[in-house]
Amino acid sequence: MMKVVWSQFAQDALDAIYVYYFDQAGERFARNLVEVIVKYPEYLASNPKAGQLEEYLQNREIEYRYIVFKNYKIIYSIDPDLKMIKIADIFDTRQNPVKIIRKK
């Protein structure tokens, strides 16, 4: 079984989601949404290749995959040596998909 860890970049994206929904819908909604987003990728620990390859990041050294939760792509990589799944980013799919190429 692999361990799921979150990069600082992904944690920052999660913080931005929280702040946005805190302002728009209130603390309770924001907290619940973020909690569900954090728990959602846990199933990857037992099935790491469940996500599709991320086409916009195919030219990277690291192979990135993604799963979708609501309007968000949860982008991750697999490190079989460390038995770790690293959540690299949370990307709002309502944006232009080319923006996913931003630096990580």
N, C-alpha and C. Protein backbone atom coordinates (compact mmCIF):
# COMPACT_ATOMS: atom_id res chain seq x y z
N MET A 1 0.85 -1.19 0.00
CA MET A 1 0.00 0.00 0.00
C MET A 1 0.89 1.24 0.00
N MET A 2 0.54 2.19 -0.81
CA MET A 2 1.30 3.43 -0.92
C MET A 2 0.73 4.49 0.02
N LYS A 3 1.56 5.47 0.29
CA LYS A 3 1.15 6.58 1.14
C LYS A 3 0.84 7.79 0.24
N VAL A 4 -0.21 8.51 0.55
CA VAL A 4 -0.58 9.71 -0.19
C VAL A 4 -0.07 10.93 0.57
N VAL A 5 0.75 11.75 -0.11
CA VAL A 5 1.28 12.98 0.49
C VAL A 5 0.94 14.16 -0.42
N TRP A 6 0.87 15.34 0.17
CA TRP A 6 0.50 16.55 -0.56
C TRP A 6 1.71 17.47 -0.68
N SER A 7 1.99 17.93 -1.90
CA SER A 7 3.06 18.91 -2.11
C SER A 7 2.63 20.26 -1.53
N GLN A 8 3.60 21.12 -1.31
CA GLN A 8 3.27 22.47 -0.84
C GLN A 8 2.43 23.21 -1.87
N PHE A 9 2.73 22.99 -3.16
CA PHE A 9 1.97 23.63 -4.24
C PHE A 9 0.50 23.23 -4.16
N ALA A 10 0.23 21.94 -3.94
CA ALA A 10 -1.15 21.45 -3.83
C ALA A 10 -1.82 21.99 -2.57
N GLN A 11 -1.07 22.06 -1.48
CA GLN A 11 -1.63 22.61 -0.24
C GLN A 11 -2.00 24.08 -0.42
N ASP A 12 -1.17 24.81 -1.16
CA ASP A 12 -1.48 26.22 -1.43
C ASP A 12 -2.74 26.34 -2.28
N ALA A 13 -2.90 25.45 -3.26
CA ALA A 13 -4.11 25.45 -4.10
C ALA A 13 -5.33 25.14 -3.24
N LEU A 14 -5.18 24.21 -2.32
CA LEU A 14 -6.28 23.86 -1.41
C LEU A 14 -6.65 25.04 -0.52
N ASP A 15 -5.63 25.75 -0.04
CA ASP A 15 -5.88 26.96 0.77
C ASP A 15 -6.65 28.01 -0.03
N ALA A 16 -6.29 28.17 -1.30
CA ALA A 16 -6.98 29.15 -2.16
C ALA A 16 -8.44 28.75 -2.37
N ILE A 17 -8.70 27.46 -2.53
CA ILE A 17 -10.07 26.96 -2.67
C ILE A 17 -10.85 27.27 -1.40
N TYR A 18 -10.24 27.01 -0.26
CA TYR A 18 -10.89 27.28 1.02
C TYR A 18 -11.25 28.77 1.15
N VAL A 19 -10.29 29.63 0.88
CA VAL A 19 -10.51 31.07 1.01
C VAL A 19 -11.63 31.53 0.08
N TYR A 20 -11.61 31.05 -1.15
CA TYR A 20 -12.64 31.44 -2.11
C TYR A 20 -14.03 31.04 -1.61
N TYR A 21 -14.18 29.78 -1.21
CA TYR A 21 -15.50 29.32 -0.78
C TYR A 21 -15.90 29.86 0.60
N PHE A 22 -14.92 30.18 1.42
CA PHE A 22 -15.21 30.83 2.69
C PHE A 22 -15.89 32.18 2.42
N ASP A 23 -15.33 32.92 1.47
CA ASP A 23 -15.90 34.23 1.12
C ASP A 23 -17.25 34.10 0.40
N GLN A 24 -17.41 33.09 -0.43
CA GLN A 24 -18.60 32.95 -1.26
C GLN A 24 -19.75 32.22 -0.58
N ALA A 25 -19.42 31.20 0.23
CA ALA A 25 -20.47 30.32 0.77
C ALA A 25 -20.40 30.10 2.27
N GLY A 26 -19.36 30.61 2.91
CA GLY A 26 -19.26 30.46 4.35
C GLY A 26 -18.27 29.40 4.80
N GLU A 27 -17.91 29.51 6.07
CA GLU A 27 -16.88 28.65 6.66
C GLU A 27 -17.24 27.18 6.61
N ARG A 28 -18.45 26.84 6.94
CA ARG A 28 -18.85 25.43 6.99
C ARG A 28 -18.74 24.76 5.62
N PHE A 29 -19.26 25.42 4.59
CA PHE A 29 -19.18 24.87 3.24
C PHE A 29 -17.73 24.71 2.80
N ALA A 30 -16.92 25.75 3.04
CA ALA A 30 -15.50 25.73 2.64
C ALA A 30 -14.76 24.59 3.34
N ARG A 31 -14.98 24.45 4.64
CA ARG A 31 -14.31 23.39 5.40
C ARG A 31 -14.72 22.01 4.89
N ASN A 32 -16.02 21.80 4.69
CA ASN A 32 -16.50 20.50 4.21
C ASN A 32 -15.94 20.16 2.84
N LEU A 33 -15.93 21.13 1.93
CA LEU A 33 -15.40 20.89 0.59
C LEU A 33 -13.93 20.49 0.64
N VAL A 34 -13.13 21.23 1.39
CA VAL A 34 -11.71 20.93 1.49
C VAL A 34 -11.48 19.56 2.13
N GLU A 35 -12.24 19.22 3.15
CA GLU A 35 -12.10 17.90 3.79
C GLU A 35 -12.38 16.78 2.81
N VAL A 36 -13.40 16.94 1.99
CA VAL A 36 -13.74 15.90 1.01
C VAL A 36 -12.67 15.82 -0.07
N ILE A 37 -12.16 16.96 -0.53
CA ILE A 37 -11.08 16.95 -1.53
C ILE A 37 -9.86 16.22 -0.98
N VAL A 38 -9.52 16.46 0.28
CA VAL A 38 -8.35 15.81 0.88
C VAL A 38 -8.55 14.30 1.00
N LYS A 39 -9.74 13.87 1.34
CA LYS A 39 -10.00 12.43 1.52
C LYS A 39 -10.16 11.70 0.19
N TYR A 40 -10.65 12.39 -0.83
CA TYR A 40 -10.98 11.75 -2.10
C TYR A 40 -9.85 10.91 -2.70
N PRO A 41 -8.61 11.41 -2.77
CA PRO A 41 -7.56 10.61 -3.42
C PRO A 41 -6.99 9.46 -2.58
N GLU A 42 -7.51 9.24 -1.38
CA GLU A 42 -6.97 8.17 -0.54
C GLU A 42 -7.06 6.79 -1.20
N TYR A 43 -8.06 6.58 -2.07
CA TYR A 43 -8.19 5.28 -2.72
C TYR A 43 -7.01 4.99 -3.66
N LEU A 44 -6.27 6.02 -4.03
CA LEU A 44 -5.10 5.82 -4.88
C LEU A 44 -4.01 5.02 -4.18
N ALA A 45 -4.02 5.00 -2.87
CA ALA A 45 -3.02 4.25 -2.11
C ALA A 45 -3.03 2.78 -2.50
N SER A 46 -4.20 2.24 -2.81
CA SER A 46 -4.28 0.83 -3.19
C SER A 46 -4.42 0.64 -4.71
N ASN A 47 -4.66 1.71 -5.44
CA ASN A 47 -4.80 1.63 -6.89
C ASN A 47 -4.18 2.88 -7.54
N PRO A 48 -2.85 3.01 -7.48
CA PRO A 48 -2.21 4.25 -7.89
C PRO A 48 -2.39 4.65 -9.35
N LYS A 49 -2.60 3.69 -10.22
CA LYS A 49 -2.74 4.02 -11.64
C LYS A 49 -4.20 4.20 -12.05
N ALA A 50 -5.06 4.45 -11.10
CA ALA A 50 -6.49 4.64 -11.39
C ALA A 50 -6.72 5.89 -12.24
N GLY A 51 -5.89 6.89 -12.06
CA GLY A 51 -6.06 8.13 -12.81
C GLY A 51 -5.50 8.06 -14.21
N GLN A 52 -6.00 8.93 -15.06
CA GLN A 52 -5.52 9.03 -16.43
C GLN A 52 -4.25 9.86 -16.48
N LEU A 53 -3.45 9.64 -17.53
CA LEU A 53 -2.27 10.47 -17.74
C LEU A 53 -2.71 11.89 -18.09
N GLU A 54 -2.02 12.86 -17.54
CA GLU A 54 -2.34 14.27 -17.80
C GLU A 54 -1.63 14.71 -19.08
N GLU A 55 -2.40 14.90 -20.15
CA GLU A 55 -1.83 15.20 -21.46
C GLU A 55 -1.06 16.51 -21.50
N TYR A 56 -1.46 17.50 -20.73
CA TYR A 56 -0.78 18.79 -20.76
C TYR A 56 0.57 18.76 -20.03
N LEU A 57 0.84 17.70 -19.31
CA LEU A 57 2.11 17.59 -18.57
C LEU A 57 2.95 16.41 -19.07
N GLN A 58 2.67 15.91 -20.26
CA GLN A 58 3.38 14.74 -20.77
C GLN A 58 4.84 15.01 -21.09
N ASN A 59 5.22 16.25 -21.32
CA ASN A 59 6.61 16.55 -21.65
C ASN A 59 7.49 16.70 -20.40
N ARG A 60 6.95 16.45 -19.24
CA ARG A 60 7.70 16.57 -17.99
C ARG A 60 8.50 15.29 -17.72
N GLU A 61 9.52 15.44 -16.92
CA GLU A 61 10.34 14.30 -16.51
C GLU A 61 9.51 13.30 -15.69
N ILE A 62 8.65 13.83 -14.86
CA ILE A 62 7.79 13.01 -14.00
C ILE A 62 6.48 12.73 -14.73
N GLU A 63 5.97 11.51 -14.59
CA GLU A 63 4.68 11.16 -15.19
C GLU A 63 3.56 11.61 -14.25
N TYR A 64 2.71 12.49 -14.75
CA TYR A 64 1.59 12.99 -13.96
C TYR A 64 0.29 12.34 -14.40
N ARG A 65 -0.53 12.02 -13.43
CA ARG A 65 -1.86 11.46 -13.65
C ARG A 65 -2.86 12.36 -12.94
N TYR A 66 -4.14 12.11 -13.20
CA TYR A 66 -5.15 12.91 -12.50
C TYR A 66 -6.42 12.10 -12.28
N ILE A 67 -7.14 12.51 -11.26
CA ILE A 67 -8.50 12.05 -11.00
C ILE A 67 -9.35 13.31 -10.89
N VAL A 68 -10.64 13.16 -11.10
CA VAL A 68 -11.52 14.32 -11.09
C VAL A 68 -12.49 14.22 -9.92
N PHE A 69 -12.60 15.32 -9.18
CA PHE A 69 -13.60 15.45 -8.12
C PHE A 69 -14.33 16.76 -8.34
N LYS A 70 -15.62 16.67 -8.63
CA LYS A 70 -16.45 17.85 -8.93
C LYS A 70 -15.79 18.64 -10.05
N ASN A 71 -15.43 19.91 -9.79
CA ASN A 71 -14.80 20.75 -10.82
C ASN A 71 -13.28 20.75 -10.73
N TYR A 72 -12.70 19.81 -10.03
CA TYR A 72 -11.27 19.85 -9.78
C TYR A 72 -10.55 18.61 -10.30
N LYS A 73 -9.42 18.85 -10.95
CA LYS A 73 -8.50 17.78 -11.30
C LYS A 73 -7.51 17.69 -10.16
N ILE A 74 -7.37 16.52 -9.61
CA ILE A 74 -6.37 16.27 -8.57
C ILE A 74 -5.21 15.60 -9.30
N ILE A 75 -4.13 16.34 -9.47
CA ILE A 75 -2.99 15.90 -10.27
C ILE A 75 -1.95 15.30 -9.33
N TYR A 76 -1.44 14.13 -9.72
CA TYR A 76 -0.52 13.43 -8.84
C TYR A 76 0.54 12.68 -9.64
N SER A 77 1.60 12.29 -8.93
CA SER A 77 2.63 11.43 -9.50
C SER A 77 2.83 10.25 -8.56
N ILE A 78 3.43 9.21 -9.10
CA ILE A 78 3.66 7.98 -8.34
C ILE A 78 5.17 7.79 -8.19
N ASP A 79 5.62 7.55 -6.97
CA ASP A 79 7.02 7.21 -6.72
C ASP A 79 7.06 5.79 -6.16
N PRO A 80 7.27 4.80 -7.04
CA PRO A 80 7.23 3.41 -6.58
C PRO A 80 8.36 3.06 -5.60
N ASP A 81 9.51 3.74 -5.73
CA ASP A 81 10.64 3.46 -4.82
C ASP A 81 10.32 3.87 -3.39
N LEU A 82 9.67 5.02 -3.23
CA LEU A 82 9.30 5.50 -1.90
C LEU A 82 7.90 5.03 -1.48
N LYS A 83 7.24 4.30 -2.38
CA LYS A 83 5.86 3.83 -2.14
C LYS A 83 4.98 5.01 -1.74
N MET A 84 5.00 6.02 -2.63
CA MET A 84 4.34 7.27 -2.31
C MET A 84 3.59 7.81 -3.53
N ILE A 85 2.42 8.36 -3.26
CA ILE A 85 1.67 9.10 -4.26
C ILE A 85 1.73 10.56 -3.81
N LYS A 86 2.23 11.41 -4.69
CA LYS A 86 2.37 12.82 -4.34
C LYS A 86 1.32 13.63 -5.10
N ILE A 87 0.43 14.25 -4.34
CA ILE A 87 -0.55 15.15 -4.93
C ILE A 87 0.21 16.43 -5.28
N ALA A 88 0.27 16.73 -6.58
CA ALA A 88 1.07 17.86 -7.05
C ALA A 88 0.26 19.15 -7.18
N ASP A 89 -1.04 19.02 -7.50
CA ASP A 89 -1.83 20.22 -7.75
C ASP A 89 -3.31 19.88 -7.68
N ILE A 90 -4.10 20.89 -7.41
CA ILE A 90 -5.57 20.83 -7.51
C ILE A 90 -5.91 21.90 -8.54
N PHE A 91 -6.46 21.48 -9.67
CA PHE A 91 -6.70 22.40 -10.78
C PHE A 91 -8.19 22.51 -11.06
N ASP A 92 -8.69 23.74 -11.07
CA ASP A 92 -10.10 23.98 -11.36
C ASP A 92 -10.33 23.81 -12.85
N THR A 93 -11.14 22.83 -13.22
CA THR A 93 -11.35 22.50 -14.63
C THR A 93 -12.15 23.54 -15.39
N ARG A 94 -12.67 24.54 -14.70
CA ARG A 94 -13.39 25.62 -15.38
C ARG A 94 -12.43 26.64 -15.99
N GLN A 95 -11.15 26.50 -15.70
CA GLN A 95 -10.13 27.38 -16.28
C GLN A 95 -9.71 26.86 -17.65
N ASN A 96 -8.97 27.69 -18.38
CA ASN A 96 -8.37 27.25 -19.63
C ASN A 96 -7.39 26.11 -19.29
N PRO A 97 -7.53 24.94 -19.93
CA PRO A 97 -6.68 23.80 -19.57
C PRO A 97 -5.19 24.03 -19.77
N VAL A 98 -4.82 24.95 -20.64
CA VAL A 98 -3.40 25.23 -20.87
C VAL A 98 -2.75 25.79 -19.60
N LYS A 99 -3.52 26.41 -18.72
CA LYS A 99 -2.98 26.96 -17.47
C LYS A 99 -2.39 25.88 -16.56
N ILE A 100 -2.72 24.63 -16.83
CA ILE A 100 -2.22 23.53 -16.00
C ILE A 100 -0.70 23.40 -16.12
N ILE A 101 -0.15 23.97 -17.17
CA ILE A 101 1.29 23.84 -17.44
C ILE A 101 2.13 24.72 -16.53
N ARG A 102 1.50 25.56 -15.72
CA ARG A 102 2.25 26.46 -14.85
C ARG A 102 3.31 25.71 -14.03
N LYS A 103 4.30 26.41 -13.57
CA LYS A 103 5.42 25.79 -12.83
C LYS A 103 4.95 25.17 -11.53
N LYS A 104 5.53 24.04 -11.20
CA LYS A 104 5.22 23.33 -9.97
C LYS A 104 6.49 23.17 -9.17
